[in-house]
Amino acid sequence: MSPMLGDINDSGQKFNGAALVLRPEQCRAARALLNWTQQHLANEARVARATIRDFENARHRLHGSTQALIVAALVGAGVGFLADAHLGIGVYLRLTGHDCA
């Protein structure tokens, strides 16, 4: 089965028609793709850096509204989410026309 590309709505809440549950690993990987620090993501998502730090270190789960802010910031910067029942989860960076030239 090939990976399914995640479809995120404007609020960052839907993933292939189901509720997206952002995992700490996806958050770290997405930041790495963008070369963002935890502080940069926190600024873009308008949340505290401690929220990003604690989530990525699996100290706590995110509230739905906080997750929506983080996902919206990542999606707005070009990150997409992958999910496959057999292969697992992941993230990707959408290419722009400039990247393809």
N, C-alpha and C. Protein backbone atom coordinates (compact mmCIF):
# COMPACT_ATOMS: atom_id res chain seq x y z
N MET A 1 0.85 -1.17 0.00
CA MET A 1 0.00 0.00 0.00
C MET A 1 0.90 1.24 0.00
N SER A 2 0.60 2.20 -0.85
CA SER A 2 1.42 3.41 -0.91
C SER A 2 1.00 4.40 0.17
N PRO A 3 1.93 5.28 0.55
CA PRO A 3 1.60 6.26 1.57
C PRO A 3 0.47 7.17 1.11
N MET A 4 -0.37 7.54 2.04
CA MET A 4 -1.46 8.47 1.75
C MET A 4 -1.00 9.85 2.17
N LEU A 5 -1.24 10.82 1.32
CA LEU A 5 -0.88 12.18 1.67
C LEU A 5 -1.97 12.77 2.53
N GLY A 6 -1.58 13.41 3.58
CA GLY A 6 -2.55 13.99 4.51
C GLY A 6 -3.17 15.26 3.96
N ASP A 7 -4.45 15.38 4.13
CA ASP A 7 -5.17 16.57 3.75
C ASP A 7 -5.54 17.32 5.02
N ILE A 8 -5.02 18.51 5.17
CA ILE A 8 -5.28 19.33 6.34
C ILE A 8 -6.21 20.46 5.94
N ASN A 9 -7.31 20.64 6.69
CA ASN A 9 -8.19 21.75 6.38
C ASN A 9 -7.61 23.04 6.94
N ASP A 10 -8.31 24.16 6.74
CA ASP A 10 -7.79 25.46 7.14
C ASP A 10 -7.48 25.54 8.62
N SER A 11 -8.20 24.81 9.45
CA SER A 11 -7.94 24.87 10.89
C SER A 11 -6.87 23.87 11.32
N GLY A 12 -6.35 23.09 10.38
CA GLY A 12 -5.31 22.13 10.70
C GLY A 12 -5.83 20.93 11.48
N GLN A 13 -7.10 20.60 11.33
CA GLN A 13 -7.70 19.57 12.16
C GLN A 13 -7.93 18.23 11.48
N LYS A 14 -7.95 18.18 10.17
CA LYS A 14 -8.31 16.93 9.49
C LYS A 14 -7.12 16.31 8.79
N PHE A 15 -7.05 15.01 8.85
CA PHE A 15 -5.99 14.25 8.21
C PHE A 15 -6.66 13.09 7.51
N ASN A 16 -6.73 13.16 6.17
CA ASN A 16 -7.42 12.13 5.39
C ASN A 16 -8.83 11.89 5.91
N GLY A 17 -9.53 12.97 6.26
CA GLY A 17 -10.91 12.85 6.71
C GLY A 17 -11.06 12.50 8.17
N ALA A 18 -9.99 12.18 8.86
CA ALA A 18 -10.04 11.84 10.28
C ALA A 18 -9.27 12.91 11.06
N ALA A 19 -9.50 12.95 12.33
CA ALA A 19 -8.80 13.93 13.16
C ALA A 19 -7.31 13.62 13.19
N LEU A 20 -6.50 14.61 12.91
CA LEU A 20 -5.05 14.46 12.97
C LEU A 20 -4.62 14.44 14.43
N VAL A 21 -3.80 13.49 14.79
CA VAL A 21 -3.16 13.48 16.10
C VAL A 21 -1.67 13.65 15.84
N LEU A 22 -1.20 14.86 16.05
CA LEU A 22 0.21 15.16 15.83
C LEU A 22 1.05 14.44 16.87
N ARG A 23 2.10 13.79 16.41
CA ARG A 23 3.00 13.07 17.31
C ARG A 23 4.27 13.89 17.52
N PRO A 24 4.91 13.73 18.66
CA PRO A 24 6.15 14.48 18.92
C PRO A 24 7.20 14.27 17.82
N GLU A 25 7.30 13.04 17.32
CA GLU A 25 8.28 12.74 16.27
C GLU A 25 7.99 13.54 15.00
N GLN A 26 6.72 13.69 14.67
CA GLN A 26 6.35 14.47 13.48
C GLN A 26 6.70 15.94 13.68
N CYS A 27 6.47 16.43 14.86
CA CYS A 27 6.76 17.84 15.15
C CYS A 27 8.26 18.10 15.01
N ARG A 28 9.08 17.25 15.60
CA ARG A 28 10.54 17.41 15.50
C ARG A 28 11.00 17.30 14.04
N ALA A 29 10.46 16.33 13.32
CA ALA A 29 10.86 16.13 11.92
C ALA A 29 10.44 17.32 11.06
N ALA A 30 9.25 17.84 11.30
CA ALA A 30 8.77 18.99 10.54
C ALA A 30 9.66 20.20 10.79
N ARG A 31 10.04 20.42 12.04
CA ARG A 31 10.95 21.53 12.34
C ARG A 31 12.28 21.35 11.64
N ALA A 32 12.77 20.12 11.61
CA ALA A 32 14.05 19.84 10.95
C ALA A 32 13.97 20.15 9.46
N LEU A 33 12.88 19.77 8.81
CA LEU A 33 12.71 20.06 7.39
C LEU A 33 12.74 21.56 7.12
N LEU A 34 12.17 22.32 8.03
CA LEU A 34 12.10 23.77 7.87
C LEU A 34 13.33 24.49 8.43
N ASN A 35 14.19 23.73 9.12
CA ASN A 35 15.34 24.32 9.82
C ASN A 35 14.88 25.36 10.84
N TRP A 36 13.79 25.03 11.55
CA TRP A 36 13.22 25.90 12.58
C TRP A 36 13.64 25.42 13.96
N THR A 37 13.90 26.35 14.84
CA THR A 37 14.11 26.04 16.24
C THR A 37 12.75 25.87 16.92
N GLN A 38 12.77 25.36 18.13
CA GLN A 38 11.52 25.30 18.90
C GLN A 38 10.96 26.70 19.08
N GLN A 39 11.82 27.68 19.31
CA GLN A 39 11.34 29.05 19.51
C GLN A 39 10.69 29.59 18.25
N HIS A 40 11.27 29.29 17.08
CA HIS A 40 10.69 29.77 15.83
C HIS A 40 9.29 29.18 15.64
N LEU A 41 9.14 27.89 15.86
CA LEU A 41 7.82 27.28 15.74
C LEU A 41 6.86 27.88 16.75
N ALA A 42 7.32 28.07 17.97
CA ALA A 42 6.46 28.67 19.00
C ALA A 42 5.99 30.06 18.57
N ASN A 43 6.89 30.85 18.01
CA ASN A 43 6.52 32.19 17.53
C ASN A 43 5.50 32.10 16.41
N GLU A 44 5.74 31.22 15.44
CA GLU A 44 4.83 31.09 14.30
C GLU A 44 3.45 30.59 14.73
N ALA A 45 3.42 29.69 15.71
CA ALA A 45 2.16 29.11 16.17
C ALA A 45 1.51 29.92 17.29
N ARG A 46 2.25 30.89 17.79
CA ARG A 46 1.76 31.73 18.90
C ARG A 46 1.46 30.91 20.15
N VAL A 47 2.42 30.06 20.49
CA VAL A 47 2.36 29.27 21.72
C VAL A 47 3.70 29.44 22.44
N ALA A 48 3.76 29.02 23.67
CA ALA A 48 5.01 29.12 24.44
C ALA A 48 6.02 28.08 23.97
N ARG A 49 7.30 28.45 24.00
CA ARG A 49 8.34 27.50 23.62
C ARG A 49 8.30 26.28 24.52
N ALA A 50 7.97 26.47 25.79
CA ALA A 50 7.88 25.34 26.72
C ALA A 50 6.83 24.34 26.27
N THR A 51 5.78 24.82 25.61
CA THR A 51 4.75 23.91 25.09
C THR A 51 5.35 23.00 24.03
N ILE A 52 6.12 23.58 23.11
CA ILE A 52 6.77 22.79 22.05
C ILE A 52 7.77 21.83 22.68
N ARG A 53 8.61 22.33 23.57
CA ARG A 53 9.63 21.50 24.23
C ARG A 53 9.01 20.32 24.96
N ASP A 54 8.02 20.60 25.78
CA ASP A 54 7.40 19.54 26.57
C ASP A 54 6.67 18.53 25.69
N PHE A 55 6.03 19.00 24.64
CA PHE A 55 5.34 18.08 23.72
C PHE A 55 6.36 17.20 23.00
N GLU A 56 7.41 17.80 22.45
CA GLU A 56 8.40 17.02 21.71
C GLU A 56 9.14 16.03 22.60
N ASN A 57 9.24 16.32 23.87
CA ASN A 57 9.87 15.39 24.81
C ASN A 57 8.87 14.46 25.46
N ALA A 58 7.66 14.41 24.93
CA ALA A 58 6.58 13.52 25.39
C ALA A 58 6.26 13.71 26.87
N ARG A 59 6.38 14.95 27.34
CA ARG A 59 6.01 15.24 28.72
C ARG A 59 4.51 15.43 28.88
N HIS A 60 3.86 15.86 27.80
CA HIS A 60 2.40 16.01 27.84
C HIS A 60 1.84 16.00 26.43
N ARG A 61 0.55 15.77 26.34
CA ARG A 61 -0.16 15.84 25.06
C ARG A 61 -0.62 17.27 24.84
N LEU A 62 -0.98 17.57 23.62
CA LEU A 62 -1.44 18.91 23.28
C LEU A 62 -2.95 19.00 23.40
N HIS A 63 -3.44 20.16 23.82
CA HIS A 63 -4.87 20.45 23.73
C HIS A 63 -5.19 20.60 22.24
N GLY A 64 -6.41 20.31 21.86
CA GLY A 64 -6.80 20.40 20.45
C GLY A 64 -6.54 21.75 19.83
N SER A 65 -6.84 22.82 20.56
CA SER A 65 -6.64 24.16 20.02
C SER A 65 -5.15 24.47 19.84
N THR A 66 -4.32 24.00 20.74
CA THR A 66 -2.88 24.21 20.63
C THR A 66 -2.32 23.41 19.46
N GLN A 67 -2.77 22.18 19.31
CA GLN A 67 -2.33 21.36 18.18
C GLN A 67 -2.71 22.04 16.87
N ALA A 68 -3.92 22.58 16.80
CA ALA A 68 -4.37 23.25 15.58
C ALA A 68 -3.45 24.42 15.23
N LEU A 69 -3.02 25.18 16.21
CA LEU A 69 -2.11 26.31 15.96
C LEU A 69 -0.77 25.83 15.44
N ILE A 70 -0.24 24.77 16.03
CA ILE A 70 1.06 24.23 15.62
C ILE A 70 0.98 23.65 14.21
N VAL A 71 -0.04 22.84 13.96
CA VAL A 71 -0.20 22.23 12.64
C VAL A 71 -0.40 23.31 11.58
N ALA A 72 -1.21 24.31 11.87
CA ALA A 72 -1.44 25.38 10.90
C ALA A 72 -0.14 26.11 10.57
N ALA A 73 0.71 26.35 11.56
CA ALA A 73 1.99 27.01 11.31
C ALA A 73 2.88 26.14 10.42
N LEU A 74 2.92 24.85 10.69
CA LEU A 74 3.75 23.94 9.90
C LEU A 74 3.22 23.80 8.48
N VAL A 75 1.92 23.63 8.34
CA VAL A 75 1.31 23.50 7.01
C VAL A 75 1.50 24.80 6.23
N GLY A 76 1.34 25.93 6.89
CA GLY A 76 1.52 27.21 6.24
C GLY A 76 2.94 27.42 5.72
N ALA A 77 3.90 26.76 6.35
CA ALA A 77 5.30 26.85 5.93
C ALA A 77 5.66 25.80 4.89
N GLY A 78 4.70 24.94 4.52
CA GLY A 78 4.95 23.97 3.46
C GLY A 78 5.08 22.53 3.89
N VAL A 79 4.86 22.23 5.16
CA VAL A 79 4.96 20.85 5.64
C VAL A 79 3.66 20.12 5.37
N GLY A 80 3.77 18.87 4.97
CA GLY A 80 2.62 17.98 4.83
C GLY A 80 2.84 16.77 5.71
N PHE A 81 1.78 16.02 5.92
CA PHE A 81 1.84 14.86 6.80
C PHE A 81 1.51 13.60 6.02
N LEU A 82 2.23 12.52 6.32
CA LEU A 82 2.04 11.22 5.69
C LEU A 82 1.55 10.22 6.72
N ALA A 83 0.70 9.31 6.26
CA ALA A 83 0.26 8.21 7.14
C ALA A 83 -0.01 6.99 6.28
N ASP A 84 0.39 5.87 6.77
CA ASP A 84 0.16 4.61 6.10
C ASP A 84 0.03 3.54 7.17
N ALA A 85 -0.98 2.72 7.07
CA ALA A 85 -1.23 1.71 8.10
C ALA A 85 -0.06 0.74 8.24
N HIS A 86 0.70 0.53 7.18
CA HIS A 86 1.79 -0.43 7.22
C HIS A 86 3.16 0.23 7.38
N LEU A 87 3.33 1.39 6.76
CA LEU A 87 4.63 2.05 6.78
C LEU A 87 4.81 2.98 7.97
N GLY A 88 3.74 3.52 8.50
CA GLY A 88 3.84 4.42 9.64
C GLY A 88 3.53 5.86 9.27
N ILE A 89 4.07 6.77 10.06
CA ILE A 89 3.79 8.19 9.90
C ILE A 89 5.03 8.92 9.42
N GLY A 90 4.83 10.14 8.94
CA GLY A 90 5.95 10.95 8.52
C GLY A 90 5.53 12.35 8.15
N VAL A 91 6.48 13.12 7.68
CA VAL A 91 6.22 14.47 7.20
C VAL A 91 6.98 14.66 5.90
N TYR A 92 6.57 15.63 5.13
CA TYR A 92 7.28 15.97 3.90
C TYR A 92 7.19 17.47 3.70
N LEU A 93 8.07 18.01 2.88
CA LEU A 93 8.09 19.42 2.56
C LEU A 93 7.63 19.58 1.12
N ARG A 94 6.55 20.34 0.93
CA ARG A 94 6.04 20.56 -0.42
C ARG A 94 7.04 21.40 -1.20
N LEU A 95 7.28 21.02 -2.44
CA LEU A 95 8.18 21.76 -3.30
C LEU A 95 7.44 22.92 -3.93
N THR A 96 8.14 24.03 -4.09
CA THR A 96 7.58 25.17 -4.80
C THR A 96 8.09 25.13 -6.22
N GLY A 97 7.55 25.96 -7.07
CA GLY A 97 8.02 26.04 -8.45
C GLY A 97 9.50 26.36 -8.51
N HIS A 98 9.96 27.20 -7.58
CA HIS A 98 11.38 27.58 -7.52
C HIS A 98 12.25 26.36 -7.19
N ASP A 99 11.74 25.47 -6.31
CA ASP A 99 12.50 24.28 -5.92
C ASP A 99 12.65 23.29 -7.06
N CYS A 100 11.70 23.29 -7.98
CA CYS A 100 11.68 22.31 -9.07
C CYS A 100 12.50 22.77 -10.27
N ALA A 101 12.87 24.02 -10.32
CA ALA A 101 13.57 24.56 -11.49
C ALA A 101 15.03 24.17 -11.51
